[in-house]
Amino acid sequence: MIKITLEEAEKYIKCVDDYYGREAAFYTTFVDDAGWDVVTYYTAKLKQEYLFKEGEGNSWVYVLSNPTIPGLRKIGYTKGTPEIRAKEISKATGVASPFTVDWAFQCFDGENLEYEVHKYLDKYRENTRREFFKIPLEEAKEAILFLGKNYTNKKDLDL
């Protein structure tokens, strides 16, 4: 593990903010006002690693709902469009009504963002084997934007 300066550390994601479970690659230390050494660990993943990448993104993380399963939202990702994905899921024989897209976030590396979002929202998960969460739409959006800032080339994200 490599010690880096506080200035260098600003480029990386802190381990406590990483829901992917990456190993610590760097650390910083400083002495606080009480005289204690404070150590912070960082992953090797850069914040805003896609900042200068061309285009809007290569995938989407979406939030879907279905009137036959009130209170639950499906959070997933697709390399196509969220509307096409909602139609695909709605074609299953066990689905009584079609899914609707409540909100979607265009990003790079949507599969990894989806994984982080699922871990971050684990306490809302209805079933550990499914992508359904008992969560209000605004909270789902906030979580995706919070984690999604590292998967986009946009500097400012708004709800």
N, C-alpha and C. Protein backbone atom coordinates (compact mmCIF):
# COMPACT_ATOMS: atom_id res chain seq x y z
N MET A 1 0.85 -1.17 0.00
CA MET A 1 0.00 0.00 0.00
C MET A 1 0.90 1.24 0.00
N ILE A 2 0.46 2.25 -0.72
CA ILE A 2 1.29 3.44 -0.91
C ILE A 2 0.70 4.63 -0.17
N LYS A 3 1.57 5.34 0.54
CA LYS A 3 1.15 6.57 1.21
C LYS A 3 1.16 7.70 0.17
N ILE A 4 0.08 8.47 0.13
CA ILE A 4 -0.03 9.60 -0.79
C ILE A 4 -0.37 10.86 -0.02
N THR A 5 -0.22 11.99 -0.66
CA THR A 5 -0.55 13.26 -0.01
C THR A 5 -2.07 13.46 0.01
N LEU A 6 -2.52 14.35 0.85
CA LEU A 6 -3.95 14.68 0.90
C LEU A 6 -4.42 15.24 -0.44
N GLU A 7 -3.57 15.99 -1.11
CA GLU A 7 -3.92 16.56 -2.43
C GLU A 7 -4.08 15.45 -3.46
N GLU A 8 -3.16 14.48 -3.47
CA GLU A 8 -3.26 13.34 -4.40
C GLU A 8 -4.51 12.52 -4.11
N ALA A 9 -4.84 12.39 -2.83
CA ALA A 9 -5.99 11.57 -2.42
C ALA A 9 -7.31 12.10 -2.93
N GLU A 10 -7.39 13.39 -3.22
CA GLU A 10 -8.64 13.97 -3.72
C GLU A 10 -9.08 13.36 -5.04
N LYS A 11 -8.18 12.71 -5.76
CA LYS A 11 -8.50 12.09 -7.05
C LYS A 11 -9.14 10.71 -6.90
N TYR A 12 -9.02 10.10 -5.72
CA TYR A 12 -9.43 8.71 -5.54
C TYR A 12 -10.66 8.58 -4.65
N ILE A 13 -11.30 7.43 -4.75
CA ILE A 13 -12.49 7.14 -3.94
C ILE A 13 -12.05 6.53 -2.62
N LYS A 14 -12.55 7.09 -1.53
CA LYS A 14 -12.26 6.54 -0.20
C LYS A 14 -12.86 5.13 -0.10
N CYS A 15 -12.18 4.27 0.62
CA CYS A 15 -12.69 2.90 0.81
C CYS A 15 -14.07 2.91 1.47
N VAL A 16 -14.31 3.83 2.40
CA VAL A 16 -15.61 3.87 3.08
C VAL A 16 -16.73 4.30 2.13
N ASP A 17 -16.39 4.93 1.01
CA ASP A 17 -17.39 5.37 0.03
C ASP A 17 -17.50 4.42 -1.16
N ASP A 18 -16.76 3.32 -1.13
CA ASP A 18 -16.73 2.37 -2.24
C ASP A 18 -17.62 1.17 -1.92
N TYR A 19 -18.70 1.04 -2.65
CA TYR A 19 -19.63 -0.06 -2.40
C TYR A 19 -19.36 -1.24 -3.32
N TYR A 20 -18.32 -1.16 -4.11
CA TYR A 20 -17.94 -2.27 -4.97
C TYR A 20 -17.10 -3.28 -4.20
N GLY A 21 -16.44 -2.81 -3.15
CA GLY A 21 -15.62 -3.70 -2.33
C GLY A 21 -14.17 -3.78 -2.80
N ARG A 22 -13.69 -2.75 -3.44
CA ARG A 22 -12.31 -2.73 -3.91
C ARG A 22 -11.34 -2.67 -2.73
N GLU A 23 -10.17 -3.24 -2.91
CA GLU A 23 -9.12 -3.22 -1.89
C GLU A 23 -8.52 -1.82 -1.79
N ALA A 24 -7.99 -1.51 -0.63
CA ALA A 24 -7.28 -0.25 -0.44
C ALA A 24 -5.96 -0.30 -1.20
N ALA A 25 -5.66 0.78 -1.92
CA ALA A 25 -4.40 0.87 -2.65
C ALA A 25 -3.51 1.97 -2.09
N PHE A 26 -4.15 2.98 -1.47
CA PHE A 26 -3.42 4.14 -0.96
C PHE A 26 -3.93 4.50 0.44
N TYR A 27 -3.14 5.29 1.13
CA TYR A 27 -3.59 5.83 2.40
C TYR A 27 -2.97 7.20 2.62
N THR A 28 -3.62 7.98 3.47
CA THR A 28 -3.10 9.28 3.89
C THR A 28 -3.09 9.31 5.41
N THR A 29 -2.26 10.16 5.95
CA THR A 29 -2.25 10.37 7.40
C THR A 29 -2.11 11.87 7.68
N PHE A 30 -2.70 12.29 8.78
CA PHE A 30 -2.49 13.63 9.29
C PHE A 30 -2.83 13.62 10.77
N VAL A 31 -2.37 14.62 11.47
CA VAL A 31 -2.62 14.73 12.91
C VAL A 31 -3.77 15.71 13.11
N ASP A 32 -4.82 15.26 13.81
CA ASP A 32 -5.98 16.13 14.03
C ASP A 32 -5.71 17.12 15.18
N ASP A 33 -6.69 17.95 15.47
CA ASP A 33 -6.54 19.00 16.48
C ASP A 33 -6.27 18.44 17.89
N ALA A 34 -6.70 17.22 18.13
CA ALA A 34 -6.50 16.61 19.45
C ALA A 34 -5.15 15.88 19.52
N GLY A 35 -4.40 15.88 18.42
CA GLY A 35 -3.10 15.22 18.43
C GLY A 35 -3.13 13.77 17.99
N TRP A 36 -4.26 13.30 17.50
CA TRP A 36 -4.40 11.91 17.05
C TRP A 36 -4.02 11.79 15.58
N ASP A 37 -3.38 10.67 15.24
CA ASP A 37 -3.11 10.37 13.84
C ASP A 37 -4.40 9.88 13.20
N VAL A 38 -4.74 10.47 12.07
CA VAL A 38 -5.94 10.06 11.32
C VAL A 38 -5.46 9.41 10.03
N VAL A 39 -5.87 8.17 9.81
CA VAL A 39 -5.49 7.43 8.62
C VAL A 39 -6.74 7.22 7.78
N THR A 40 -6.65 7.53 6.50
CA THR A 40 -7.76 7.32 5.57
C THR A 40 -7.25 6.44 4.42
N TYR A 41 -8.07 5.44 4.06
CA TYR A 41 -7.69 4.51 3.00
C TYR A 41 -8.48 4.83 1.74
N TYR A 42 -7.84 4.62 0.59
CA TYR A 42 -8.43 4.94 -0.71
C TYR A 42 -8.27 3.76 -1.66
N THR A 43 -9.24 3.60 -2.55
CA THR A 43 -9.14 2.60 -3.61
C THR A 43 -8.28 3.17 -4.74
N ALA A 44 -7.98 2.35 -5.72
CA ALA A 44 -7.24 2.82 -6.89
C ALA A 44 -8.19 3.42 -7.93
N LYS A 45 -9.52 3.37 -7.66
CA LYS A 45 -10.49 3.91 -8.62
C LYS A 45 -10.51 5.43 -8.52
N LEU A 46 -10.36 6.03 -9.67
CA LEU A 46 -10.38 7.49 -9.75
C LEU A 46 -11.80 8.01 -9.66
N LYS A 47 -11.96 9.14 -8.96
CA LYS A 47 -13.23 9.86 -9.03
C LYS A 47 -13.31 10.43 -10.43
N GLN A 48 -14.49 10.47 -10.98
CA GLN A 48 -14.71 11.08 -12.29
C GLN A 48 -13.71 10.57 -13.33
N GLU A 49 -13.46 9.26 -13.34
CA GLU A 49 -12.51 8.69 -14.30
C GLU A 49 -13.00 8.86 -15.74
N TYR A 50 -14.29 9.10 -15.91
CA TYR A 50 -14.86 9.25 -17.26
C TYR A 50 -15.03 10.72 -17.66
N LEU A 51 -14.48 11.63 -16.88
CA LEU A 51 -14.71 13.06 -17.08
C LEU A 51 -14.42 13.54 -18.51
N PHE A 52 -13.39 12.99 -19.14
CA PHE A 52 -13.02 13.45 -20.47
C PHE A 52 -13.39 12.46 -21.57
N LYS A 53 -14.21 11.49 -21.22
CA LYS A 53 -14.65 10.50 -22.21
C LYS A 53 -15.73 11.11 -23.10
N GLU A 54 -15.70 10.77 -24.37
CA GLU A 54 -16.67 11.28 -25.34
C GLU A 54 -18.04 10.63 -25.15
N GLY A 55 -19.09 11.36 -25.46
CA GLY A 55 -20.45 10.82 -25.43
C GLY A 55 -21.10 10.92 -24.06
N GLU A 56 -22.34 10.49 -24.02
CA GLU A 56 -23.13 10.56 -22.79
C GLU A 56 -22.98 9.33 -21.90
N GLY A 57 -22.50 8.25 -22.46
CA GLY A 57 -22.37 7.00 -21.72
C GLY A 57 -22.69 5.83 -22.62
N ASN A 58 -22.35 4.63 -22.17
CA ASN A 58 -22.59 3.43 -22.97
C ASN A 58 -23.65 2.52 -22.36
N SER A 59 -24.28 2.98 -21.28
CA SER A 59 -25.30 2.14 -20.63
C SER A 59 -26.17 3.02 -19.73
N TRP A 60 -27.17 2.37 -19.16
CA TRP A 60 -28.14 3.06 -18.29
C TRP A 60 -28.35 2.25 -17.02
N VAL A 61 -28.52 2.94 -15.91
CA VAL A 61 -29.06 2.33 -14.68
C VAL A 61 -30.45 2.90 -14.56
N TYR A 62 -31.44 2.01 -14.43
CA TYR A 62 -32.84 2.43 -14.49
C TYR A 62 -33.60 2.02 -13.23
N VAL A 63 -34.73 2.69 -13.04
CA VAL A 63 -35.66 2.35 -11.97
C VAL A 63 -37.00 2.10 -12.64
N LEU A 64 -37.53 0.89 -12.48
CA LEU A 64 -38.81 0.51 -13.07
C LEU A 64 -39.83 0.23 -11.98
N SER A 65 -41.09 0.37 -12.33
CA SER A 65 -42.16 -0.04 -11.42
C SER A 65 -43.22 -0.78 -12.21
N ASN A 66 -44.07 -1.47 -11.47
CA ASN A 66 -45.15 -2.24 -12.08
C ASN A 66 -46.36 -2.15 -11.15
N PRO A 67 -47.54 -1.80 -11.68
CA PRO A 67 -48.71 -1.64 -10.81
C PRO A 67 -49.14 -2.92 -10.09
N THR A 68 -48.71 -4.07 -10.58
CA THR A 68 -49.10 -5.33 -9.93
C THR A 68 -48.20 -5.67 -8.75
N ILE A 69 -47.11 -4.92 -8.58
CA ILE A 69 -46.25 -5.13 -7.41
C ILE A 69 -45.99 -3.76 -6.75
N PRO A 70 -47.03 -3.19 -6.16
CA PRO A 70 -46.92 -1.86 -5.55
C PRO A 70 -45.88 -1.82 -4.44
N GLY A 71 -45.19 -0.70 -4.37
CA GLY A 71 -44.20 -0.50 -3.32
C GLY A 71 -42.82 -1.01 -3.66
N LEU A 72 -42.70 -1.78 -4.74
CA LEU A 72 -41.39 -2.31 -5.13
C LEU A 72 -40.93 -1.66 -6.42
N ARG A 73 -39.63 -1.47 -6.51
CA ARG A 73 -39.01 -0.92 -7.72
C ARG A 73 -37.90 -1.85 -8.15
N LYS A 74 -37.81 -2.04 -9.45
CA LYS A 74 -36.73 -2.84 -10.02
C LYS A 74 -35.63 -1.88 -10.44
N ILE A 75 -34.43 -2.11 -9.92
CA ILE A 75 -33.28 -1.28 -10.26
C ILE A 75 -32.28 -2.18 -10.99
N GLY A 76 -31.98 -1.82 -12.22
CA GLY A 76 -31.07 -2.63 -13.02
C GLY A 76 -30.28 -1.78 -13.98
N TYR A 77 -29.61 -2.45 -14.91
CA TYR A 77 -28.85 -1.71 -15.92
C TYR A 77 -29.07 -2.36 -17.27
N THR A 78 -28.83 -1.59 -18.31
CA THR A 78 -28.94 -2.10 -19.67
C THR A 78 -27.97 -1.35 -20.57
N LYS A 79 -27.52 -2.03 -21.61
CA LYS A 79 -26.68 -1.37 -22.61
C LYS A 79 -27.55 -0.81 -23.73
N GLY A 80 -28.83 -1.20 -23.73
CA GLY A 80 -29.80 -0.65 -24.68
C GLY A 80 -30.45 0.57 -24.04
N THR A 81 -31.73 0.77 -24.32
CA THR A 81 -32.44 1.87 -23.67
C THR A 81 -33.31 1.31 -22.55
N PRO A 82 -33.60 2.10 -21.53
CA PRO A 82 -34.46 1.62 -20.45
C PRO A 82 -35.85 1.23 -20.94
N GLU A 83 -36.37 1.94 -21.94
CA GLU A 83 -37.70 1.61 -22.48
C GLU A 83 -37.72 0.23 -23.13
N ILE A 84 -36.69 -0.08 -23.89
CA ILE A 84 -36.61 -1.41 -24.51
C ILE A 84 -36.46 -2.48 -23.44
N ARG A 85 -35.65 -2.22 -22.42
CA ARG A 85 -35.47 -3.19 -21.33
C ARG A 85 -36.79 -3.42 -20.59
N ALA A 86 -37.54 -2.37 -20.35
CA ALA A 86 -38.84 -2.51 -19.68
C ALA A 86 -39.77 -3.38 -20.51
N LYS A 87 -39.76 -3.20 -21.82
CA LYS A 87 -40.60 -4.04 -22.71
C LYS A 87 -40.16 -5.49 -22.67
N GLU A 88 -38.84 -5.73 -22.66
CA GLU A 88 -38.32 -7.10 -22.60
C GLU A 88 -38.77 -7.81 -21.32
N ILE A 89 -38.63 -7.13 -20.19
CA ILE A 89 -39.01 -7.71 -18.90
C ILE A 89 -40.52 -7.94 -18.85
N SER A 90 -41.27 -7.05 -19.45
CA SER A 90 -42.73 -7.14 -19.42
C SER A 90 -43.28 -8.30 -20.23
N LYS A 91 -42.48 -8.86 -21.13
CA LYS A 91 -42.93 -9.97 -21.98
C LYS A 91 -42.97 -11.32 -21.26
N ALA A 92 -42.36 -11.40 -20.09
CA ALA A 92 -42.34 -12.67 -19.35
C ALA A 92 -43.76 -13.12 -19.02
N THR A 93 -43.98 -14.42 -19.03
CA THR A 93 -45.33 -14.95 -18.82
C THR A 93 -45.86 -14.66 -17.42
N GLY A 94 -44.99 -14.48 -16.44
CA GLY A 94 -45.44 -14.22 -15.08
C GLY A 94 -45.71 -12.76 -14.77
N VAL A 95 -45.60 -11.89 -15.77
CA VAL A 95 -45.80 -10.47 -15.55
C VAL A 95 -47.19 -10.07 -16.04
N ALA A 96 -48.04 -9.67 -15.12
CA ALA A 96 -49.44 -9.36 -15.46
C ALA A 96 -49.60 -8.01 -16.17
N SER A 97 -48.82 -7.01 -15.78
CA SER A 97 -48.88 -5.67 -16.38
C SER A 97 -47.48 -5.25 -16.78
N PRO A 98 -47.38 -4.37 -17.76
CA PRO A 98 -46.04 -3.95 -18.19
C PRO A 98 -45.34 -3.05 -17.17
N PHE A 99 -44.02 -3.14 -17.16
CA PHE A 99 -43.19 -2.27 -16.35
C PHE A 99 -43.11 -0.90 -17.01
N THR A 100 -42.99 0.13 -16.19
CA THR A 100 -42.79 1.48 -16.71
C THR A 100 -41.47 2.02 -16.17
N VAL A 101 -40.84 2.85 -16.97
CA VAL A 101 -39.58 3.47 -16.56
C VAL A 101 -39.90 4.69 -15.71
N ASP A 102 -39.53 4.63 -14.44
CA ASP A 102 -39.75 5.76 -13.53
C ASP A 102 -38.64 6.80 -13.67
N TRP A 103 -37.42 6.31 -13.92
CA TRP A 103 -36.28 7.21 -14.02
C TRP A 103 -35.10 6.40 -14.54
N ALA A 104 -34.18 7.07 -15.23
CA ALA A 104 -32.99 6.38 -15.73
C ALA A 104 -31.80 7.33 -15.73
N PHE A 105 -30.62 6.76 -15.56
CA PHE A 105 -29.37 7.51 -15.47
C PHE A 105 -28.41 6.96 -16.50
N GLN A 106 -28.02 7.78 -17.47
CA GLN A 106 -27.07 7.34 -18.48
C GLN A 106 -25.65 7.47 -17.93
N CYS A 107 -24.84 6.44 -18.17
CA CYS A 107 -23.52 6.40 -17.56
C CYS A 107 -22.57 5.54 -18.38
N PHE A 108 -21.34 5.47 -17.92
CA PHE A 108 -20.35 4.53 -18.44
C PHE A 108 -20.25 3.40 -17.42
N ASP A 109 -20.07 2.18 -17.91
CA ASP A 109 -19.87 1.03 -17.02
C ASP A 109 -21.05 0.80 -16.09
N GLY A 110 -22.24 0.76 -16.67
CA GLY A 110 -23.47 0.59 -15.90
C GLY A 110 -23.54 -0.68 -15.08
N GLU A 111 -22.88 -1.74 -15.55
CA GLU A 111 -22.91 -2.99 -14.79
C GLU A 111 -22.26 -2.81 -13.42
N ASN A 112 -21.13 -2.11 -13.37
CA ASN A 112 -20.47 -1.87 -12.08
C ASN A 112 -21.26 -0.88 -11.22
N LEU A 113 -21.83 0.14 -11.85
CA LEU A 113 -22.65 1.08 -11.07
C LEU A 113 -23.86 0.35 -10.48
N GLU A 114 -24.50 -0.49 -11.27
CA GLU A 114 -25.65 -1.26 -10.77
C GLU A 114 -25.24 -2.08 -9.54
N TYR A 115 -24.09 -2.73 -9.63
CA TYR A 115 -23.59 -3.56 -8.52
C TYR A 115 -23.42 -2.71 -7.25
N GLU A 116 -22.81 -1.53 -7.40
CA GLU A 116 -22.62 -0.65 -6.25
C GLU A 116 -23.95 -0.18 -5.68
N VAL A 117 -24.88 0.18 -6.56
CA VAL A 117 -26.20 0.65 -6.11
C VAL A 117 -26.91 -0.46 -5.34
N HIS A 118 -26.85 -1.69 -5.84
CA HIS A 118 -27.50 -2.80 -5.15
C HIS A 118 -26.91 -3.01 -3.76
N LYS A 119 -25.59 -2.93 -3.64
CA LYS A 119 -24.96 -3.08 -2.32
C LYS A 119 -25.33 -1.91 -1.40
N TYR A 120 -25.34 -0.71 -1.95
CA TYR A 120 -25.66 0.49 -1.18
C TYR A 120 -27.10 0.44 -0.65
N LEU A 121 -28.00 -0.10 -1.46
CA LEU A 121 -29.43 -0.16 -1.09
C LEU A 121 -29.84 -1.51 -0.51
N ASP A 122 -28.89 -2.29 -0.08
CA ASP A 122 -29.17 -3.65 0.38
C ASP A 122 -30.26 -3.72 1.44
N LYS A 123 -30.34 -2.74 2.34
CA LYS A 123 -31.35 -2.79 3.40
C LYS A 123 -32.77 -2.66 2.85
N TYR A 124 -32.92 -2.18 1.62
CA TYR A 124 -34.23 -2.03 0.99
C TYR A 124 -34.59 -3.23 0.10
N ARG A 125 -33.67 -4.14 -0.06
CA ARG A 125 -33.85 -5.25 -1.00
C ARG A 125 -34.93 -6.20 -0.49
N GLU A 126 -35.83 -6.56 -1.39
CA GLU A 126 -36.93 -7.46 -1.04
C GLU A 126 -36.46 -8.92 -0.99
N ASN A 127 -35.59 -9.31 -1.92
CA ASN A 127 -35.11 -10.68 -2.05
C ASN A 127 -33.66 -10.60 -2.52
N THR A 128 -32.74 -11.30 -1.85
CA THR A 128 -31.32 -11.19 -2.20
C THR A 128 -31.01 -11.70 -3.61
N ARG A 129 -31.91 -12.45 -4.19
CA ARG A 129 -31.68 -12.99 -5.54
C ARG A 129 -32.37 -12.17 -6.64
N ARG A 130 -33.02 -11.11 -6.25
CA ARG A 130 -33.77 -10.29 -7.22
C ARG A 130 -33.35 -8.83 -7.12
N GLU A 131 -33.68 -8.08 -8.15
CA GLU A 131 -33.31 -6.66 -8.22
C GLU A 131 -34.47 -5.76 -7.80
N PHE A 132 -35.28 -6.21 -6.85
CA PHE A 132 -36.44 -5.44 -6.40
C PHE A 132 -36.17 -4.85 -5.02
N PHE A 133 -36.54 -3.57 -4.89
CA PHE A 133 -36.27 -2.83 -3.67
C PHE A 133 -37.53 -2.11 -3.22
N LYS A 134 -37.77 -2.15 -1.92
CA LYS A 134 -38.89 -1.44 -1.32
C LYS A 134 -38.36 -0.06 -0.93
N ILE A 135 -38.46 0.89 -1.87
CA ILE A 135 -37.83 2.19 -1.69
C ILE A 135 -38.60 3.26 -2.46
N PRO A 136 -38.73 4.45 -1.90
CA PRO A 136 -39.35 5.55 -2.66
C PRO A 136 -38.47 5.94 -3.85
N LEU A 137 -39.07 6.40 -4.91
CA LEU A 137 -38.34 6.77 -6.12
C LEU A 137 -37.25 7.80 -5.83
N GLU A 138 -37.55 8.81 -5.04
CA GLU A 138 -36.56 9.87 -4.77
C GLU A 138 -35.31 9.31 -4.09
N GLU A 139 -35.49 8.36 -3.18
CA GLU A 139 -34.33 7.76 -2.51
C GLU A 139 -33.51 6.93 -3.48
N ALA A 140 -34.18 6.21 -4.37
CA ALA A 140 -33.47 5.43 -5.38
C ALA A 140 -32.66 6.36 -6.28
N LYS A 141 -33.26 7.46 -6.71
CA LYS A 141 -32.57 8.43 -7.56
C LYS A 141 -31.36 9.02 -6.83
N GLU A 142 -31.53 9.39 -5.58
CA GLU A 142 -30.43 9.97 -4.80
C GLU A 142 -29.26 9.00 -4.70
N ALA A 143 -29.55 7.72 -4.47
CA ALA A 143 -28.49 6.71 -4.36
C ALA A 143 -27.75 6.55 -5.69
N ILE A 144 -28.50 6.49 -6.77
CA ILE A 144 -27.88 6.32 -8.09
C ILE A 144 -27.02 7.54 -8.44
N LEU A 145 -27.51 8.73 -8.14
CA LEU A 145 -26.72 9.93 -8.41
C LEU A 145 -25.49 10.03 -7.51
N PHE A 146 -25.64 9.66 -6.25
CA PHE A 146 -24.51 9.69 -5.31
C PHE A 146 -23.38 8.80 -5.81
N LEU A 147 -23.70 7.58 -6.19
CA LEU A 147 -22.69 6.66 -6.68
C LEU A 147 -22.35 6.91 -8.15
N GLY A 148 -23.34 7.38 -8.89
CA GLY A 148 -23.18 7.57 -10.33
C GLY A 148 -22.25 8.69 -10.72
N LYS A 149 -21.96 9.60 -9.80
CA LYS A 149 -21.06 10.72 -10.14
C LYS A 149 -19.70 10.22 -10.60
N ASN A 150 -19.32 9.00 -10.24
CA ASN A 150 -18.04 8.43 -10.66
C ASN A 150 -18.16 7.59 -11.92
N TYR A 151 -19.32 7.61 -12.55
CA TYR A 151 -19.55 6.83 -13.76
C TYR A 151 -20.05 7.70 -14.91
N THR A 152 -19.79 8.98 -14.84
CA THR A 152 -20.28 9.90 -15.86
C THR A 152 -19.21 10.93 -16.18
N ASN A 153 -19.42 11.65 -17.27
CA ASN A 153 -18.49 12.73 -17.62
C ASN A 153 -19.10 14.10 -17.31
N LYS A 154 -20.22 14.09 -16.60
CA LYS A 154 -20.85 15.34 -16.19
C LYS A 154 -20.28 15.77 -14.84
N LYS A 155 -20.01 17.04 -14.72
CA LYS A 155 -19.44 17.55 -13.46
C LYS A 155 -20.48 17.72 -12.38
N ASP A 156 -21.68 18.17 -12.75
CA ASP A 156 -22.74 18.41 -11.77
C ASP A 156 -23.94 17.55 -12.11
N LEU A 157 -24.46 16.85 -11.10
CA LEU A 157 -25.64 16.01 -11.27
C LEU A 157 -26.77 16.55 -10.44
N ASP A 158 -27.95 16.64 -11.03
CA ASP A 158 -29.13 17.12 -10.33
C ASP A 158 -30.22 16.06 -10.38
N LEU A 159 -31.09 16.09 -9.36
CA LEU A 159 -32.28 15.25 -9.39
C LEU A 159 -33.21 15.89 -10.34
